[in-house]
Every structure is written in C-alpha cells, then in structure tokens.
C-alpha cells in the first residue's frame, strides 16, 4: 500500500496526464448518459446505449487510475545520453 501511495504522489509524465484527462472525460460522459433517465421522467434508454455508457464509465475510470499510477523515472541512468546517439 505504501508503494501505491508513493506512486500516486510521484510526478506523472505529460503523455499520461493527457490519458488521465481523456479517461475522466470518457467516464464522465458514460456516467452522464446513465444518469439521464433519473433527470428526465419517462425516458427509457435502449439497452445498447446503456451497455456502451456502462463500459465507457468503467474504461474511462480505469484508464485514468492506471495512468495516474505511472511515474516519471528520474534516475540519471535512464536518461538518454546525447553523446552516445550523436551522428559521427
């Protein structure tokens, strides 16, 4: 559990920040669609829309969570060496 908390607090790479935003957006869209029948009396959504919205909420939330748990590796050994890759 301590490792998970450490990863949660670590800096997130910029690509995964975009994945987090996209995942939250997809999840919010799915939850919004699922909440429509509660706000509009008499509205019955087709089964396919309910299924897709449920999956969107689950996939969006999972993608955001997993992306948040990625962390930047700040070790000097993992950084590319510009001299090593320079053209000769």
Protein backbone atom coordinates (compact mmCIF):
# COMPACT_ATOMS: atom_id res chain seq x y z
CA UNK A 1 0.00 0.00 0.00
CA UNK A 2 2.91 2.31 0.76
CA UNK A 3 4.24 1.78 -2.78
CA UNK A 4 0.87 2.76 -4.29
CA UNK A 5 0.76 5.97 -2.25
CA UNK A 6 4.33 6.73 -3.31
CA UNK A 7 3.44 6.25 -6.98
CA UNK A 8 0.29 8.37 -6.58
CA UNK A 9 2.34 11.30 -5.25
CA UNK A 10 5.15 10.97 -7.82
CA UNK A 11 5.26 13.26 -10.87
CA UNK A 12 3.27 11.97 -13.85
CA UNK A 13 4.70 12.06 -17.41
CA UNK A 14 2.96 14.52 -19.75
CA UNK A 15 1.53 11.80 -22.04
CA UNK A 16 -0.18 10.11 -19.12
CA UNK A 17 -1.58 13.44 -17.94
CA UNK A 18 -3.43 13.56 -21.27
CA UNK A 19 -4.59 9.97 -20.76
CA UNK A 20 -5.94 10.94 -17.32
CA UNK A 21 -7.92 13.85 -18.80
CA UNK A 22 -9.30 11.69 -21.61
CA UNK A 23 -10.23 8.90 -19.19
CA UNK A 24 -12.04 11.28 -16.86
CA UNK A 25 -13.89 12.77 -19.83
CA UNK A 26 -14.97 9.38 -21.18
CA UNK A 27 -16.01 8.22 -17.72
CA UNK A 28 -17.98 11.41 -17.08
CA UNK A 29 -19.75 11.06 -20.42
CA UNK A 30 -20.74 7.48 -19.60
CA UNK A 31 -22.00 8.43 -16.14
CA UNK A 32 -23.88 11.40 -17.59
CA UNK A 33 -25.69 9.19 -20.09
CA UNK A 34 -26.52 6.66 -17.37
CA UNK A 35 -27.98 9.48 -15.23
CA UNK A 36 -30.32 10.77 -17.94
CA UNK A 37 -33.33 8.60 -17.01
CA UNK A 38 -33.20 9.95 -13.45
CA UNK A 39 -33.40 13.56 -14.63
CA UNK A 40 -35.93 13.14 -17.44
CA UNK A 41 -39.05 11.30 -16.24
CA UNK A 42 -40.29 8.63 -18.62
CA UNK A 43 -37.02 8.40 -20.58
CA UNK A 44 -36.04 4.81 -21.32
CA UNK A 45 -32.65 4.28 -22.91
CA UNK A 46 -32.12 1.41 -25.35
CA UNK A 47 -30.07 -1.48 -24.00
CA UNK A 48 -27.18 -0.81 -26.38
CA UNK A 49 -26.80 2.78 -25.15
CA UNK A 50 -26.91 1.65 -21.53
CA UNK A 51 -24.29 -1.01 -22.25
CA UNK A 52 -21.97 1.37 -24.08
CA UNK A 53 -22.34 4.04 -21.37
CA UNK A 54 -21.58 1.49 -18.65
CA UNK A 55 -18.46 0.33 -20.46
CA UNK A 56 -17.37 3.93 -21.13
CA UNK A 57 -17.65 4.76 -17.43
CA UNK A 58 -15.65 1.66 -16.45
CA UNK A 59 -12.95 2.04 -19.12
CA UNK A 60 -12.58 5.78 -18.55
CA UNK A 61 -12.18 5.39 -14.81
CA UNK A 62 -9.75 2.51 -15.16
CA UNK A 63 -7.62 4.33 -17.75
CA UNK A 64 -7.42 7.43 -15.55
CA UNK A 65 -6.49 5.39 -12.49
CA UNK A 66 -3.77 3.38 -14.21
CA UNK A 67 -2.35 6.49 -15.90
CA UNK A 68 -2.21 8.26 -12.55
CA UNK A 69 -0.15 5.43 -11.09
CA UNK A 70 2.58 5.82 -13.72
CA UNK A 71 5.55 7.82 -12.60
CA UNK A 72 8.49 9.61 -14.10
CA UNK A 73 11.79 7.80 -13.71
CA UNK A 74 14.26 10.46 -12.67
CA UNK A 75 17.37 8.27 -12.42
CA UNK A 76 20.33 9.62 -14.38
CA UNK A 77 20.95 6.12 -15.75
CA UNK A 78 17.59 6.09 -17.52
CA UNK A 79 18.05 9.43 -19.31
CA UNK A 80 19.28 9.26 -22.91
CA UNK A 81 22.92 10.11 -23.43
CA UNK A 82 23.15 12.72 -26.23
CA UNK A 83 26.84 11.95 -26.86
CA UNK A 84 26.08 8.26 -27.33
CA UNK A 85 23.43 8.94 -30.01
CA UNK A 86 25.25 11.77 -31.82
CA UNK A 87 25.91 11.36 -35.53
CA UNK A 88 29.52 10.73 -36.41
